[in-house]
Amino acid sequence: MTVYLTHRGCHYSAAAVHKYMNTEMGLHSLVRPKKPCIRRGKPHKIFENRLQQEFHADRANQKWCTDFTYLFLKNGEVRCNRSIVGLYDRSVIASVTDRQITSSPAIHPDFEESTGITAAD
């Protein structure tokens, strides 16, 4: 903001601009927490690309994909949400939230119990 004002012909110090933005204008910055550090794990199985970028399904349970999302909590902790999404109606088939991300969300016992589908299917 100080550089912007200098280009417009107004010369104020950075401290003065910061003070006016915070107290008089009520503008405050939000600091985003750091991204979680990545730990190298065991290499997982790499599956062949059977979809070839065809993300359309004609019937239910024909094609699935996975989604990994980082959730930043207010207390500074990070959670990793792993979901399996059906491409027919874009519904979530299974979802697991944990402190660390892993490469095997479908092998989770809760997934097999709730869907009746095993990882070998």
N, C-alpha and C. Protein backbone atom coordinates (compact mmCIF):
# COMPACT_ATOMS: atom_id res chain seq x y z
N MET A 1 0.83 -1.18 0.00
CA MET A 1 0.00 0.00 0.00
C MET A 1 0.88 1.25 0.00
N THR A 2 2.01 1.19 0.72
CA THR A 2 2.93 2.35 0.76
C THR A 2 3.46 2.65 -0.63
N VAL A 3 3.83 1.62 -1.39
CA VAL A 3 4.34 1.82 -2.75
C VAL A 3 3.25 2.40 -3.64
N TYR A 4 2.02 1.90 -3.48
CA TYR A 4 0.90 2.40 -4.27
C TYR A 4 0.69 3.90 -4.01
N LEU A 5 0.71 4.28 -2.73
CA LEU A 5 0.53 5.69 -2.39
C LEU A 5 1.67 6.55 -2.91
N THR A 6 2.90 6.02 -2.89
CA THR A 6 4.05 6.77 -3.40
C THR A 6 3.89 7.02 -4.90
N HIS A 7 3.42 6.04 -5.63
CA HIS A 7 3.18 6.22 -7.07
C HIS A 7 2.09 7.25 -7.33
N ARG A 8 1.16 7.39 -6.40
CA ARG A 8 0.08 8.37 -6.54
C ARG A 8 0.49 9.76 -6.03
N GLY A 9 1.73 9.91 -5.51
CA GLY A 9 2.22 11.21 -5.07
C GLY A 9 2.08 11.48 -3.58
N CYS A 10 1.63 10.52 -2.80
CA CYS A 10 1.51 10.67 -1.35
C CYS A 10 2.64 9.91 -0.69
N HIS A 11 3.42 10.60 0.13
CA HIS A 11 4.58 9.96 0.76
C HIS A 11 4.33 9.80 2.25
N TYR A 12 4.06 8.54 2.66
CA TYR A 12 3.86 8.19 4.07
C TYR A 12 4.76 7.01 4.39
N SER A 13 5.16 6.93 5.65
CA SER A 13 5.98 5.79 6.05
C SER A 13 5.10 4.53 6.14
N ALA A 14 5.76 3.38 6.09
CA ALA A 14 5.03 2.12 6.18
C ALA A 14 4.31 1.98 7.52
N ALA A 15 4.94 2.49 8.59
CA ALA A 15 4.31 2.42 9.91
C ALA A 15 3.06 3.28 9.97
N ALA A 16 3.09 4.45 9.34
CA ALA A 16 1.92 5.33 9.35
C ALA A 16 0.77 4.72 8.55
N VAL A 17 1.08 4.13 7.40
CA VAL A 17 0.05 3.49 6.58
C VAL A 17 -0.55 2.32 7.34
N HIS A 18 0.29 1.54 8.01
CA HIS A 18 -0.18 0.39 8.79
C HIS A 18 -1.10 0.86 9.92
N LYS A 19 -0.72 1.92 10.60
CA LYS A 19 -1.52 2.45 11.72
C LYS A 19 -2.88 2.92 11.23
N TYR A 20 -2.92 3.68 10.15
CA TYR A 20 -4.20 4.20 9.66
C TYR A 20 -5.09 3.08 9.13
N MET A 21 -4.49 2.10 8.48
CA MET A 21 -5.30 0.99 7.96
C MET A 21 -5.91 0.18 9.11
N ASN A 22 -5.15 -0.04 10.19
CA ASN A 22 -5.65 -0.84 11.30
C ASN A 22 -6.66 -0.08 12.17
N THR A 23 -6.30 1.14 12.61
CA THR A 23 -7.13 1.83 13.60
C THR A 23 -8.29 2.59 12.96
N GLU A 24 -8.04 3.38 11.95
CA GLU A 24 -9.09 4.23 11.41
C GLU A 24 -9.97 3.54 10.37
N MET A 25 -9.37 2.67 9.58
CA MET A 25 -10.15 2.02 8.53
C MET A 25 -10.63 0.63 8.94
N GLY A 26 -10.06 0.08 10.01
CA GLY A 26 -10.48 -1.23 10.48
C GLY A 26 -10.06 -2.39 9.59
N LEU A 27 -9.00 -2.19 8.80
CA LEU A 27 -8.51 -3.25 7.92
C LEU A 27 -7.40 -4.02 8.63
N HIS A 28 -7.54 -5.33 8.69
CA HIS A 28 -6.55 -6.17 9.35
C HIS A 28 -6.19 -7.31 8.40
N SER A 29 -4.96 -7.76 8.47
CA SER A 29 -4.54 -8.87 7.60
C SER A 29 -4.80 -10.19 8.30
N LEU A 30 -5.08 -11.21 7.50
CA LEU A 30 -5.23 -12.57 8.00
C LEU A 30 -4.01 -13.36 7.59
N VAL A 31 -3.39 -14.02 8.54
CA VAL A 31 -2.20 -14.81 8.25
C VAL A 31 -2.61 -16.26 8.11
N ARG A 32 -2.34 -16.84 6.96
CA ARG A 32 -2.68 -18.23 6.72
C ARG A 32 -1.62 -19.12 7.36
N PRO A 33 -2.03 -20.19 8.01
CA PRO A 33 -1.05 -21.07 8.64
C PRO A 33 -0.16 -21.74 7.61
N LYS A 34 1.02 -22.17 8.04
CA LYS A 34 1.95 -22.83 7.15
C LYS A 34 1.38 -24.15 6.66
N LYS A 35 1.75 -24.53 5.47
CA LYS A 35 1.33 -25.82 4.94
C LYS A 35 2.07 -26.92 5.70
N PRO A 36 1.44 -28.06 5.83
CA PRO A 36 2.10 -29.13 6.58
C PRO A 36 3.35 -29.62 5.85
N CYS A 37 4.34 -30.02 6.64
CA CYS A 37 5.55 -30.54 6.03
C CYS A 37 5.26 -31.92 5.44
N ILE A 38 5.90 -32.22 4.36
CA ILE A 38 5.66 -33.48 3.67
C ILE A 38 6.71 -34.49 4.12
N ARG A 39 6.25 -35.61 4.60
CA ARG A 39 7.15 -36.68 4.99
C ARG A 39 7.17 -37.74 3.89
N ARG A 40 8.35 -38.17 3.54
CA ARG A 40 8.47 -39.23 2.54
C ARG A 40 8.03 -40.55 3.15
N GLY A 41 7.10 -41.20 2.52
CA GLY A 41 6.62 -42.48 3.00
C GLY A 41 7.03 -43.59 2.04
N LYS A 42 6.47 -44.74 2.28
CA LYS A 42 6.73 -45.86 1.38
C LYS A 42 6.06 -45.58 0.04
N PRO A 43 6.71 -45.95 -1.07
CA PRO A 43 6.05 -45.77 -2.36
C PRO A 43 4.81 -46.65 -2.44
N HIS A 44 3.75 -46.12 -2.97
CA HIS A 44 2.51 -46.88 -3.08
C HIS A 44 2.32 -47.34 -4.53
N LYS A 45 1.36 -48.18 -4.72
CA LYS A 45 1.11 -48.71 -6.05
C LYS A 45 0.57 -47.61 -6.96
N ILE A 46 1.14 -47.49 -8.13
CA ILE A 46 0.67 -46.52 -9.12
C ILE A 46 -0.22 -47.28 -10.11
N PHE A 47 -1.47 -46.86 -10.19
CA PHE A 47 -2.43 -47.52 -11.05
C PHE A 47 -2.37 -46.93 -12.45
N GLU A 48 -2.71 -47.73 -13.43
CA GLU A 48 -2.72 -47.24 -14.80
C GLU A 48 -3.88 -46.25 -14.99
N ASN A 49 -3.75 -45.35 -15.92
CA ASN A 49 -4.75 -44.32 -16.19
C ASN A 49 -5.82 -44.90 -17.12
N ARG A 50 -6.80 -45.56 -16.54
CA ARG A 50 -7.84 -46.19 -17.35
C ARG A 50 -8.87 -45.18 -17.87
N LEU A 51 -9.04 -44.06 -17.18
CA LEU A 51 -10.06 -43.10 -17.60
C LEU A 51 -9.63 -42.25 -18.79
N GLN A 52 -8.35 -42.02 -18.95
CA GLN A 52 -7.84 -41.17 -20.03
C GLN A 52 -8.58 -39.82 -20.06
N GLN A 53 -8.76 -39.24 -18.86
CA GLN A 53 -9.42 -37.94 -18.68
C GLN A 53 -10.90 -37.95 -19.07
N GLU A 54 -11.54 -39.11 -19.10
CA GLU A 54 -12.98 -39.23 -19.37
C GLU A 54 -13.70 -39.27 -18.03
N PHE A 55 -14.13 -38.12 -17.52
CA PHE A 55 -14.74 -38.04 -16.20
C PHE A 55 -16.27 -38.01 -16.29
N HIS A 56 -16.83 -38.79 -17.19
CA HIS A 56 -18.27 -38.91 -17.32
C HIS A 56 -18.65 -40.38 -17.17
N ALA A 57 -19.65 -40.67 -16.36
CA ALA A 57 -20.09 -42.05 -16.17
C ALA A 57 -21.56 -42.17 -16.57
N ASP A 58 -21.90 -43.25 -17.21
CA ASP A 58 -23.27 -43.47 -17.68
C ASP A 58 -24.16 -44.13 -16.63
N ARG A 59 -23.55 -44.78 -15.64
CA ARG A 59 -24.33 -45.43 -14.58
C ARG A 59 -23.58 -45.32 -13.26
N ALA A 60 -24.29 -45.59 -12.18
CA ALA A 60 -23.69 -45.50 -10.85
C ALA A 60 -22.63 -46.58 -10.65
N ASN A 61 -21.61 -46.27 -9.87
CA ASN A 61 -20.50 -47.18 -9.55
C ASN A 61 -19.73 -47.66 -10.77
N GLN A 62 -19.76 -46.90 -11.85
CA GLN A 62 -18.98 -47.24 -13.03
C GLN A 62 -17.57 -46.66 -12.92
N LYS A 63 -17.47 -45.40 -12.47
CA LYS A 63 -16.17 -44.75 -12.34
C LYS A 63 -16.13 -43.99 -11.01
N TRP A 64 -14.99 -44.09 -10.34
CA TRP A 64 -14.76 -43.36 -9.10
C TRP A 64 -13.45 -42.58 -9.23
N CYS A 65 -13.32 -41.55 -8.43
CA CYS A 65 -12.05 -40.85 -8.32
C CYS A 65 -11.85 -40.45 -6.87
N THR A 66 -10.63 -40.07 -6.53
CA THR A 66 -10.32 -39.69 -5.15
C THR A 66 -10.03 -38.20 -5.08
N ASP A 67 -10.22 -37.66 -3.91
CA ASP A 67 -9.95 -36.25 -3.65
C ASP A 67 -9.22 -36.13 -2.32
N PHE A 68 -8.12 -35.39 -2.30
CA PHE A 68 -7.36 -35.12 -1.09
C PHE A 68 -7.47 -33.64 -0.79
N THR A 69 -7.92 -33.30 0.41
CA THR A 69 -8.12 -31.90 0.80
C THR A 69 -7.48 -31.65 2.15
N TYR A 70 -6.74 -30.54 2.27
CA TYR A 70 -6.18 -30.14 3.55
C TYR A 70 -7.17 -29.21 4.25
N LEU A 71 -7.46 -29.47 5.52
CA LEU A 71 -8.36 -28.64 6.32
C LEU A 71 -7.52 -27.95 7.38
N PHE A 72 -7.50 -26.62 7.35
CA PHE A 72 -6.76 -25.83 8.32
C PHE A 72 -7.71 -25.42 9.44
N LEU A 73 -7.46 -25.90 10.65
CA LEU A 73 -8.32 -25.62 11.79
C LEU A 73 -7.90 -24.32 12.47
N LYS A 74 -8.81 -23.73 13.24
CA LYS A 74 -8.51 -22.46 13.91
C LYS A 74 -7.40 -22.57 14.93
N ASN A 75 -7.23 -23.75 15.54
CA ASN A 75 -6.19 -23.91 16.55
C ASN A 75 -4.83 -24.18 15.93
N GLY A 76 -4.70 -24.10 14.61
CA GLY A 76 -3.43 -24.26 13.93
C GLY A 76 -3.14 -25.67 13.45
N GLU A 77 -3.98 -26.62 13.81
CA GLU A 77 -3.76 -27.99 13.37
C GLU A 77 -4.25 -28.18 11.94
N VAL A 78 -3.74 -29.23 11.31
CA VAL A 78 -4.11 -29.52 9.93
C VAL A 78 -4.66 -30.94 9.88
N ARG A 79 -5.76 -31.11 9.17
CA ARG A 79 -6.34 -32.43 8.95
C ARG A 79 -6.35 -32.69 7.45
N CYS A 80 -6.22 -33.94 7.07
CA CYS A 80 -6.26 -34.34 5.67
C CYS A 80 -7.53 -35.15 5.44
N ASN A 81 -8.37 -34.70 4.52
CA ASN A 81 -9.60 -35.40 4.20
C ASN A 81 -9.40 -36.13 2.88
N ARG A 82 -9.63 -37.45 2.91
CA ARG A 82 -9.52 -38.28 1.72
C ARG A 82 -10.92 -38.79 1.40
N SER A 83 -11.39 -38.52 0.19
CA SER A 83 -12.74 -38.92 -0.19
C SER A 83 -12.71 -39.69 -1.49
N ILE A 84 -13.65 -40.61 -1.64
CA ILE A 84 -13.87 -41.30 -2.91
C ILE A 84 -15.20 -40.78 -3.45
N VAL A 85 -15.17 -40.27 -4.68
CA VAL A 85 -16.34 -39.62 -5.28
C VAL A 85 -16.78 -40.44 -6.49
N GLY A 86 -18.08 -40.71 -6.57
CA GLY A 86 -18.64 -41.38 -7.74
C GLY A 86 -18.87 -40.37 -8.84
N LEU A 87 -18.41 -40.65 -10.05
CA LEU A 87 -18.50 -39.68 -11.15
C LEU A 87 -19.88 -39.63 -11.80
N TYR A 88 -20.75 -40.58 -11.50
CA TYR A 88 -22.09 -40.57 -12.11
C TYR A 88 -22.91 -39.39 -11.59
N ASP A 89 -23.01 -39.26 -10.27
CA ASP A 89 -23.79 -38.17 -9.69
C ASP A 89 -22.96 -37.27 -8.78
N ARG A 90 -21.62 -37.43 -8.80
CA ARG A 90 -20.69 -36.62 -8.01
C ARG A 90 -20.95 -36.73 -6.51
N SER A 91 -21.42 -37.89 -6.06
CA SER A 91 -21.68 -38.08 -4.64
C SER A 91 -20.44 -38.68 -3.96
N VAL A 92 -20.29 -38.39 -2.67
CA VAL A 92 -19.18 -38.93 -1.89
C VAL A 92 -19.55 -40.34 -1.46
N ILE A 93 -18.73 -41.30 -1.83
CA ILE A 93 -18.98 -42.69 -1.50
C ILE A 93 -18.35 -43.03 -0.15
N ALA A 94 -17.15 -42.53 0.10
CA ALA A 94 -16.48 -42.76 1.37
C ALA A 94 -15.58 -41.57 1.66
N SER A 95 -15.39 -41.28 2.95
CA SER A 95 -14.55 -40.16 3.34
C SER A 95 -13.86 -40.48 4.66
N VAL A 96 -12.57 -40.17 4.75
CA VAL A 96 -11.79 -40.40 5.96
C VAL A 96 -11.00 -39.13 6.24
N THR A 97 -11.07 -38.63 7.48
CA THR A 97 -10.30 -37.47 7.89
C THR A 97 -9.30 -37.91 8.94
N ASP A 98 -8.03 -37.52 8.76
CA ASP A 98 -6.98 -37.96 9.66
C ASP A 98 -5.92 -36.87 9.77
N ARG A 99 -4.97 -37.06 10.67
CA ARG A 99 -3.88 -36.09 10.84
C ARG A 99 -2.86 -36.17 9.72
N GLN A 100 -2.67 -37.33 9.13
CA GLN A 100 -1.71 -37.51 8.06
C GLN A 100 -2.40 -38.09 6.84
N ILE A 101 -1.87 -37.79 5.67
CA ILE A 101 -2.46 -38.29 4.44
C ILE A 101 -1.79 -39.62 4.08
N THR A 102 -2.58 -40.57 3.67
CA THR A 102 -2.04 -41.86 3.23
C THR A 102 -2.57 -42.16 1.85
N SER A 103 -2.03 -43.18 1.23
CA SER A 103 -2.41 -43.48 -0.16
C SER A 103 -3.47 -44.58 -0.24
N SER A 104 -4.05 -44.99 0.87
CA SER A 104 -5.01 -46.09 0.80
C SER A 104 -6.31 -45.79 1.53
N PRO A 105 -7.12 -44.84 1.04
CA PRO A 105 -8.37 -44.56 1.73
C PRO A 105 -9.40 -45.65 1.56
N ALA A 106 -9.37 -46.41 0.46
CA ALA A 106 -10.40 -47.41 0.20
C ALA A 106 -10.21 -48.67 1.02
N ILE A 107 -9.03 -48.89 1.55
CA ILE A 107 -8.76 -50.11 2.31
C ILE A 107 -9.19 -49.95 3.77
N HIS A 108 -9.63 -48.77 4.14
CA HIS A 108 -10.06 -48.51 5.52
C HIS A 108 -11.24 -49.44 5.86
N PRO A 109 -11.24 -50.09 7.03
CA PRO A 109 -12.31 -51.03 7.38
C PRO A 109 -13.71 -50.41 7.37
N ASP A 110 -13.82 -49.15 7.78
CA ASP A 110 -15.13 -48.49 7.79
C ASP A 110 -15.71 -48.40 6.38
N PHE A 111 -14.83 -48.20 5.39
CA PHE A 111 -15.29 -48.09 4.01
C PHE A 111 -15.89 -49.42 3.54
N GLU A 112 -15.21 -50.51 3.82
CA GLU A 112 -15.70 -51.81 3.38
C GLU A 112 -17.01 -52.17 4.06
N GLU A 113 -17.14 -51.81 5.35
CA GLU A 113 -18.38 -52.12 6.08
C GLU A 113 -19.55 -51.29 5.57
N SER A 114 -19.31 -49.98 5.28
CA SER A 114 -20.42 -49.10 4.91
C SER A 114 -20.86 -49.31 3.46
N THR A 115 -19.96 -49.72 2.57
CA THR A 115 -20.34 -49.86 1.17
C THR A 115 -20.53 -51.29 0.72
N GLY A 116 -19.90 -52.23 1.43
CA GLY A 116 -19.95 -53.61 1.00
C GLY A 116 -19.02 -53.91 -0.15
N ILE A 117 -18.16 -52.94 -0.50
CA ILE A 117 -17.21 -53.10 -1.60
C ILE A 117 -15.82 -53.23 -1.00
N THR A 118 -15.06 -54.24 -1.41
CA THR A 118 -13.72 -54.43 -0.89
C THR A 118 -12.71 -53.77 -1.82
N ALA A 119 -11.49 -53.61 -1.34
CA ALA A 119 -10.45 -52.98 -2.13
C ALA A 119 -10.09 -53.80 -3.36
N ALA A 120 -10.35 -55.09 -3.35
CA ALA A 120 -10.03 -55.95 -4.50
C ALA A 120 -11.04 -55.79 -5.63
N ASP A 121 -12.23 -55.23 -5.36
CA ASP A 121 -13.25 -55.07 -6.40
C ASP A 121 -12.80 -54.04 -7.35
